[in-house]
Amino acid sequence: MKIVLFGPTLPFRGGVPQFTSTLTERLHAAGHDVKIVGFRELFPKLLFSGRMQDVGSPPASDVPTESVFNAWQPASWKRTARIITAHSPDLILAMWWMPLFAPGYRAVLRALSSDLRARWIFVIHDVVSHERFPGDTLLSRSALRHGTRFLALSSGQEKALRKLLPNLPDSAVTMQPHPVYDNYRRFRGTAEEAREQLGVKGSRVLLFFGFVRRYKGLDILLRAMPEILRHDPNTRLLIAGPFHHARTHYERLIEKLGIRRTVVIHDRYFSGDDVGMCFAAADVVVLPYRSATQSGVIPIAFALGVPVIATRVEGIEEYVRDGETGLLVPPEDPTALANAVEQLFDRSGTETFASAITEEAARYSWAGFIENIAAQT
């Protein structure tokens, strides 16, 4: 099958580029004729620093790529449509997560023939962005209403899409959960060696991984730390990811709570083998999210065999089998979060979750995800 993937890829940072690149390679490995029509730029450099946008050279790949789309340059929109048309794809998988891209996406779609528009599938990461802004719903609707087929990566996003476009027929939307990221290699050393490389010295290590953004609730986890430390003063919190908002806010909170010596911060983007090192150092991954649509962190954790503690918010709770692959707690509740940490370690350690995590990782395979995509034609 000839497939075009339209969206950002590595080396751009973040979950969507990681997803697009991984899906591309898996489709290619499955024997499909794949082409990437990628982004030349994610956001204007005047508004977003380069530090937040890319990590250097793209990874080696046999998949042909033309990175031409720029949401801020209308001249690129028709060129994007011409490139898609020239490939004559059987299927177009278009990543959607950012309302600000609506004018460009709408222009690309409208420049395609009616036949190609019918082959276009919006892959819904977020119907609207995490950080809401005036007009975001209108922007999303202005682009998504031109679509006829959608693949939502969580049940929460399927509901959000149907709320945005209430007249969609049932057959227009498929829900397929985010697959596990089994492309990350496990750390070759011991947990102690991983901790040493990351500068973490503790008997129990909690990991907060990925971009630090307000909706992810790092401040809630920090507020839970004093209670966690009362049970085991040797517990450590490893924060591994760049700060999307001012780091000083969190630094002040750490000082106020008196937990400076127990928190290790690596304010940078982790990729490649460094990801495996972070998860090898951790006993549990904590996702204290205020809200979510879905998460790429949980698929990494399950692929690397690490249990999670997460909040009961739509888009997250459906991925965690409470008491089996991890624990679920109410959002914005530091006390419940601290109690969950103790509950997890009281269960003879985190090893009790291992078999269920292995089973869950197999359930959310890329092979199954691709089979469902192929069935869309």
Protein backbone atom coordinates (compact mmCIF):
# COMPACT_ATOMS: atom_id res chain seq x y z
CA MET A 1 0.00 0.00 0.00
CA LYS A 2 1.21 3.51 -0.82
CA ILE A 3 1.00 5.67 2.29
CA VAL A 4 1.88 9.31 2.89
CA LEU A 5 2.49 10.44 6.45
CA PHE A 6 1.90 14.16 6.86
CA GLY A 7 3.33 15.57 10.08
CA PRO A 8 6.50 16.45 11.97
CA THR A 9 9.19 13.83 12.47
CA LEU A 10 12.45 13.51 14.35
CA PRO A 11 14.62 15.47 15.03
CA PHE A 12 11.79 17.76 16.14
CA ARG A 13 11.15 17.24 19.83
CA GLY A 14 8.01 15.93 21.44
CA GLY A 15 5.53 13.09 21.33
CA VAL A 16 4.03 13.75 17.90
CA PRO A 17 7.35 13.73 15.98
CA GLN A 18 8.36 10.59 17.89
CA PHE A 19 5.06 8.93 17.01
CA THR A 20 5.22 9.91 13.33
CA SER A 21 8.79 8.67 12.93
CA THR A 22 8.10 5.37 14.69
CA LEU A 23 4.92 4.73 12.73
CA THR A 24 6.78 5.49 9.50
CA GLU A 25 9.51 2.96 10.20
CA ARG A 26 7.01 0.28 11.26
CA LEU A 27 4.91 0.78 8.13
CA HIS A 28 8.06 0.60 6.00
CA ALA A 29 9.21 -2.57 7.77
CA ALA A 30 5.78 -4.11 7.13
CA GLY A 31 6.35 -3.71 3.39
CA HIS A 32 4.32 -0.59 2.65
CA ASP A 33 5.49 2.08 0.20
CA VAL A 34 5.82 5.00 2.61
CA LYS A 35 6.65 8.66 2.05
CA ILE A 36 6.93 11.42 4.65
CA VAL A 37 5.67 14.88 3.80
CA GLY A 38 7.12 16.64 6.80
CA PHE A 39 7.38 19.99 8.50
CA ARG A 40 10.16 22.43 7.69
CA GLU A 41 9.45 24.33 10.90
CA LEU A 42 7.13 23.69 13.83
CA PHE A 43 6.85 27.14 15.35
CA PRO A 44 8.27 30.58 14.54
CA LYS A 45 11.71 30.89 16.08
CA LEU A 46 10.79 34.35 17.36
CA LEU A 47 8.15 32.77 19.59
CA PHE A 48 9.69 29.40 20.39
CA SER A 49 13.37 28.81 21.02
CA GLY A 50 15.23 26.30 18.88
CA ARG A 51 15.98 24.42 22.09
CA MET A 52 12.33 23.41 22.22
CA GLN A 53 12.10 22.41 18.57
CA ASP A 54 14.82 20.04 17.44
CA VAL A 55 17.70 17.89 18.62
CA GLY A 56 20.03 17.96 15.64
CA SER A 57 20.28 15.70 12.61
CA PRO A 58 17.41 13.40 11.62
CA PRO A 59 17.92 9.67 12.22
CA ALA A 60 19.01 7.51 9.31
CA SER A 61 16.05 6.18 7.34
CA ASP A 62 15.30 4.52 4.01
CA VAL A 63 11.95 6.30 3.80
CA PRO A 64 11.88 9.22 1.32
CA THR A 65 11.14 12.50 3.06
CA GLU A 66 10.26 15.98 1.84
CA SER A 67 10.03 18.45 4.71
CA VAL A 68 8.18 21.34 3.10
CA PHE A 69 5.17 22.28 5.22
CA ASN A 70 5.33 25.43 7.29
CA ALA A 71 2.13 26.51 9.02
CA TRP A 72 3.38 30.11 9.01
CA GLN A 73 4.20 30.28 5.28
CA PRO A 74 1.16 29.96 2.98
CA ALA A 75 3.41 29.45 -0.03
CA SER A 76 4.33 26.03 1.38
CA TRP A 77 0.75 24.81 1.60
CA LYS A 78 0.08 24.32 -2.12
CA ARG A 79 3.51 22.79 -2.57
CA THR A 80 2.68 20.30 0.17
CA ALA A 81 -0.53 19.36 -1.64
CA ARG A 82 1.35 18.93 -4.94
CA ILE A 83 3.88 16.58 -3.34
CA ILE A 84 1.13 14.48 -1.77
CA THR A 85 -0.71 14.33 -5.09
CA ALA A 86 2.42 13.31 -7.00
CA HIS A 87 2.83 10.24 -4.79
CA SER A 88 -0.73 9.03 -5.61
CA PRO A 89 -1.16 7.47 -2.16
CA ASP A 90 -3.78 4.92 -1.19
CA LEU A 91 -3.83 6.47 2.28
CA ILE A 92 -2.79 9.80 3.83
CA LEU A 93 -2.19 9.81 7.59
CA ALA A 94 -2.22 13.41 8.83
CA MET A 95 -1.13 14.09 12.41
CA TRP A 96 -3.41 16.51 14.28
CA TRP A 97 -2.68 18.06 17.66
CA MET A 98 -2.35 21.83 17.23
CA PRO A 99 -5.23 24.22 16.36
CA LEU A 100 -2.76 26.89 15.22
CA PHE A 101 -1.97 24.70 12.19
CA ALA A 102 -5.61 24.76 11.04
CA PRO A 103 -5.31 27.28 8.17
CA GLY A 104 -2.43 25.35 6.61
CA TYR A 105 -4.05 21.94 6.99
CA ARG A 106 -7.32 23.25 5.60
CA ALA A 107 -5.53 24.71 2.59
CA VAL A 108 -3.68 21.45 1.91
CA LEU A 109 -6.87 19.41 2.13
CA ARG A 110 -8.82 21.75 -0.14
CA ALA A 111 -6.02 21.68 -2.74
CA LEU A 112 -6.28 17.89 -3.05
CA SER A 113 -8.65 16.15 -5.43
CA SER A 114 -11.89 14.78 -3.98
CA ASP A 115 -10.51 11.27 -4.45
CA LEU A 116 -7.42 12.04 -2.36
CA ARG A 117 -9.46 13.86 0.28
CA ALA A 118 -11.40 10.62 0.76
CA ARG A 119 -8.11 8.82 1.49
CA TRP A 120 -7.06 11.37 4.13
CA ILE A 121 -7.24 10.21 7.76
CA PHE A 122 -6.71 12.64 10.61
CA VAL A 123 -4.69 10.91 13.35
CA ILE A 124 -5.99 12.67 16.45
CA HIS A 125 -3.42 13.19 19.20
CA ASP A 126 -5.23 16.23 20.65
CA VAL A 127 -8.43 17.75 19.30
CA VAL A 128 -7.34 21.03 20.86
CA SER A 129 -3.99 21.82 22.48
CA HIS A 130 -3.23 21.19 26.16
CA GLU A 131 -2.71 24.86 26.90
CA ARG A 132 -6.02 26.36 25.84
CA PHE A 133 -6.31 29.76 24.19
CA PRO A 134 -9.19 31.89 22.84
CA GLY A 135 -10.46 30.56 19.53
CA ASP A 136 -8.71 27.18 19.70
CA THR A 137 -11.96 25.23 19.35
CA LEU A 138 -13.02 27.30 16.35
CA LEU A 139 -9.65 26.75 14.69
CA SER A 140 -9.75 22.99 15.21
CA ARG A 141 -13.29 22.79 13.87
CA SER A 142 -12.35 24.85 10.81
CA ALA A 143 -9.83 22.21 9.75
CA LEU A 144 -11.29 18.97 11.08
CA ARG A 145 -14.73 19.57 9.54
CA HIS A 146 -13.10 19.06 6.13
CA GLY A 147 -12.08 15.52 7.11
CA THR A 148 -14.18 12.43 6.54
CA ARG A 149 -12.12 9.84 8.43
CA PHE A 150 -10.42 9.98 11.81
CA LEU A 151 -8.24 7.77 13.98
CA ALA A 152 -8.29 8.81 17.66
CA LEU A 153 -5.47 7.66 19.94
CA SER A 154 -7.67 7.54 23.05
CA SER A 155 -11.34 7.22 23.91
CA GLY A 156 -11.19 10.70 25.46
CA GLN A 157 -10.11 12.21 22.15
CA GLU A 158 -12.80 10.27 20.31
CA LYS A 159 -15.38 11.85 22.64
CA ALA A 160 -13.81 15.29 22.20
CA LEU A 161 -13.89 14.92 18.42
CA ARG A 162 -17.55 13.87 18.40
CA LYS A 163 -18.38 16.82 20.65
CA LEU A 164 -16.58 19.16 18.24
CA LEU A 165 -18.22 17.59 15.16
CA PRO A 166 -21.53 16.17 16.46
CA ASN A 167 -22.80 15.16 13.02
CA LEU A 168 -19.97 12.73 12.29
CA PRO A 169 -21.28 9.27 11.37
CA ASP A 170 -20.20 6.43 13.66
CA SER A 171 -18.15 4.88 10.86
CA ALA A 172 -16.02 8.03 10.44
CA VAL A 173 -14.06 7.56 13.66
CA THR A 174 -11.86 4.67 14.77
CA MET A 175 -10.26 4.56 18.22
CA GLN A 176 -6.88 2.85 18.39
CA PRO A 177 -4.76 3.25 21.56
CA HIS A 178 -1.21 4.55 21.35
CA PRO A 179 1.19 1.59 20.83
CA VAL A 180 4.15 0.94 23.14
CA TYR A 181 7.52 2.41 22.21
CA ASP A 182 9.45 -0.84 22.06
CA ASN A 183 12.11 0.79 19.87
CA TYR A 184 13.94 2.09 22.95
CA ARG A 185 16.72 -0.22 24.04
CA ARG A 186 16.96 -1.27 27.65
CA PHE A 187 19.94 0.06 29.56
CA ARG A 188 22.74 -2.50 29.46
CA GLY A 189 23.94 -1.88 33.00
CA THR A 190 22.28 -2.22 36.38
CA ALA A 191 19.82 0.17 37.97
CA GLU A 192 22.61 1.33 40.26
CA GLU A 193 24.84 2.13 37.29
CA ALA A 194 22.04 4.08 35.60
CA ARG A 195 21.47 6.04 38.80
CA GLU A 196 25.15 6.77 39.14
CA GLN A 197 25.31 8.18 35.59
CA LEU A 198 22.31 10.39 36.34
CA GLY A 199 23.60 11.50 39.72
CA VAL A 200 20.78 9.87 41.67
CA LYS A 201 21.60 8.34 45.04
CA GLY A 202 18.62 6.73 46.72
CA SER A 203 17.03 3.41 47.64
CA ARG A 204 13.81 4.28 45.79
CA VAL A 205 13.63 6.42 42.66
CA LEU A 206 10.53 8.10 41.23
CA LEU A 207 10.75 9.31 37.62
CA PHE A 208 8.95 12.29 36.11
CA PHE A 209 9.79 12.09 32.40
CA GLY A 210 9.28 14.42 29.45
CA PHE A 211 8.53 18.08 28.85
CA VAL A 212 7.62 19.91 32.06
CA ARG A 213 4.34 21.67 31.35
CA ARG A 214 1.75 22.93 33.82
CA TYR A 215 -0.94 20.40 32.91
CA LYS A 216 1.45 17.56 33.77
CA GLY A 217 1.32 18.47 37.46
CA LEU A 218 4.96 18.30 38.51
CA ASP A 219 4.16 20.76 41.30
CA ILE A 220 1.63 18.27 42.70
CA LEU A 221 4.29 15.56 42.82
CA LEU A 222 6.70 17.95 44.52
CA ARG A 223 4.06 18.71 47.17
CA ALA A 224 3.68 14.96 47.76
CA MET A 225 7.41 14.49 48.37
CA PRO A 226 7.53 15.54 52.08
CA GLU A 227 4.98 12.82 52.95
CA ILE A 228 6.80 10.28 50.76
CA LEU A 229 10.07 11.15 52.48
CA ARG A 230 8.53 10.61 55.91
CA HIS A 231 8.09 6.96 54.98
CA ASP A 232 11.53 6.59 53.39
CA PRO A 233 14.02 9.49 53.58
CA ASN A 234 16.15 7.78 50.91
CA THR A 235 13.51 8.24 48.20
CA ARG A 236 14.63 10.39 45.29
CA LEU A 237 12.72 12.17 42.54
CA LEU A 238 14.37 12.24 39.10
CA ILE A 239 13.01 14.93 36.78
CA ALA A 240 14.19 14.14 33.25
CA GLY A 241 13.02 16.60 30.63
CA PRO A 242 13.18 20.23 29.49
CA PHE A 243 11.06 22.87 31.18
CA HIS A 244 8.37 24.31 28.95
CA HIS A 245 7.52 26.92 31.57
CA ALA A 246 9.82 28.89 33.89
CA ARG A 247 11.95 26.48 35.87
CA THR A 248 12.27 29.07 38.64
CA HIS A 249 8.67 28.39 39.74
CA TYR A 250 9.53 24.78 40.50
CA GLU A 251 12.89 25.65 42.03
CA ARG A 252 11.18 28.00 44.49
CA LEU A 253 8.67 25.30 45.41
CA ILE A 254 11.46 22.78 45.99
CA GLU A 255 13.19 25.23 48.34
CA LYS A 256 9.94 26.06 50.14
CA LEU A 257 9.20 22.37 50.74
CA GLY A 258 12.75 21.69 51.94
CA ILE A 259 13.31 18.82 49.53
CA ARG A 260 16.32 20.13 47.61
CA ARG A 261 18.61 17.19 48.42
CA THR A 262 16.01 14.65 47.29
CA VAL A 263 15.29 16.07 43.81
CA VAL A 264 17.60 15.58 40.82
CA ILE A 265 16.83 17.68 37.74
CA HIS A 266 18.11 17.04 34.21
CA ASP A 267 16.68 19.97 32.27
CA ARG A 268 17.25 18.56 28.80
CA TYR A 269 15.62 16.46 26.12
CA PHE A 270 16.38 12.73 26.34
CA SER A 271 16.54 10.59 23.21
CA GLY A 272 18.02 7.30 22.04
CA ASP A 273 19.74 5.12 24.61
CA ASP A 274 19.50 7.85 27.25
CA VAL A 275 15.77 7.13 27.50
CA GLY A 276 16.47 3.54 28.53
CA MET A 277 18.94 4.81 31.12
CA CYS A 278 16.32 7.06 32.74
CA PHE A 279 13.77 4.27 33.02
CA ALA A 280 16.36 1.77 34.24
CA ALA A 281 17.14 4.15 37.09
CA ALA A 282 13.48 4.32 38.14
CA ASP A 283 11.38 2.07 40.33
CA VAL A 284 8.20 3.77 39.15
CA VAL A 285 7.17 6.45 36.65
CA VAL A 286 4.81 9.08 38.05
CA LEU A 287 2.31 10.99 35.89
CA PRO A 288 0.51 13.43 38.23
CA TYR A 289 -1.36 15.04 35.32
CA ARG A 290 -4.12 17.60 35.85
CA SER A 291 -5.52 16.71 32.44
CA ALA A 292 -4.43 14.71 29.41
CA THR A 293 -5.44 13.42 26.03
CA GLN A 294 -3.08 10.44 25.92
CA SER A 295 0.56 10.00 26.81
CA GLY A 296 3.66 8.70 25.11
CA VAL A 297 5.35 8.22 28.50
CA ILE A 298 3.18 5.27 29.53
CA PRO A 299 3.97 3.29 26.34
CA ILE A 300 7.68 3.82 27.00
CA ALA A 301 7.33 2.73 30.62
CA PHE A 302 5.47 -0.45 29.68
CA ALA A 303 7.92 -1.28 26.90
CA LEU A 304 10.77 -0.98 29.40
CA GLY A 305 8.95 -2.86 32.16
CA VAL A 306 8.41 -0.02 34.64
CA PRO A 307 5.11 0.41 36.54
CA VAL A 308 3.34 3.76 36.65
CA ILE A 309 1.42 5.84 39.14
CA ALA A 310 -0.97 8.11 37.27
CA THR A 311 -4.03 10.22 37.85
CA ARG A 312 -7.58 9.27 36.97
CA VAL A 313 -7.96 11.68 34.08
CA GLU A 314 -9.43 10.94 30.69
CA GLY A 315 -6.79 9.82 28.23
CA ILE A 316 -4.56 8.36 30.95
CA GLU A 317 -6.64 6.04 33.12
CA GLU A 318 -7.64 3.85 30.19
CA TYR A 319 -3.99 2.83 29.71
CA VAL A 320 -3.37 1.78 33.32
CA ARG A 321 -4.89 -1.33 34.90
CA ASP A 322 -5.18 -0.18 38.49
CA GLY A 323 -3.37 -2.56 40.81
CA GLU A 324 -1.87 -4.56 37.91
CA THR A 325 0.28 -2.36 35.66
CA GLY A 326 0.35 0.51 38.13
CA LEU A 327 -1.84 2.57 40.41
CA LEU A 328 -4.38 5.32 39.76
CA VAL A 329 -5.10 8.27 42.05
CA PRO A 330 -7.40 11.32 41.96
CA PRO A 331 -5.91 14.36 40.19
CA GLU A 332 -4.49 17.31 42.13
CA ASP A 333 -4.21 15.31 45.37
CA PRO A 334 -0.65 15.21 46.79
CA THR A 335 -1.74 13.06 49.75
CA ALA A 336 -3.30 10.40 47.51
CA LEU A 337 -0.17 10.46 45.37
CA ALA A 338 2.07 9.91 48.41
CA ASN A 339 -0.16 7.08 49.62
CA ALA A 340 0.02 5.41 46.20
CA VAL A 341 3.82 5.48 46.29
CA GLU A 342 3.77 3.71 49.65
CA GLN A 343 1.14 1.24 48.47
CA LEU A 344 3.25 0.37 45.45
CA PHE A 345 6.40 -0.29 47.47
CA ASP A 346 4.49 -2.14 50.20
CA ARG A 347 3.49 -4.77 47.65
CA SER A 348 6.82 -6.59 47.90
CA GLY A 349 8.39 -4.08 45.56
CA THR A 350 7.62 -3.16 41.97
CA GLU A 351 8.39 -6.66 40.63
CA THR A 352 4.80 -7.74 41.35
CA PHE A 353 3.66 -5.65 38.38
CA ALA A 354 6.10 -7.17 35.87
CA SER A 355 3.95 -9.89 34.28
CA ALA A 356 0.93 -7.62 33.81
CA ILE A 357 3.14 -4.94 32.23
CA THR A 358 4.59 -7.48 29.78
CA GLU A 359 1.06 -8.55 28.86
CA GLU A 360 -0.04 -4.94 28.39
CA ALA A 361 2.96 -4.16 26.19
CA ALA A 362 2.02 -7.04 23.89
CA ARG A 363 -1.57 -5.79 23.75
CA TYR A 364 -0.52 -2.37 22.47
CA SER A 365 1.80 -3.51 19.69
CA TRP A 366 2.69 -1.56 16.57
CA ALA A 367 1.87 -4.64 14.49
CA GLY A 368 -1.73 -4.55 15.67
CA PHE A 369 -1.90 -0.80 15.17
CA ILE A 370 -0.68 -1.13 11.57
CA GLU A 371 -3.13 -3.95 10.84
CA ASN A 372 -5.96 -1.66 11.87
CA ILE A 373 -4.61 1.13 9.67
CA ALA A 374 -4.41 -1.23 6.68
CA ALA A 375 -8.04 -2.16 7.29
CA GLN A 376 -9.03 1.49 6.77
CA THR A 377 -8.58 1.27 2.98
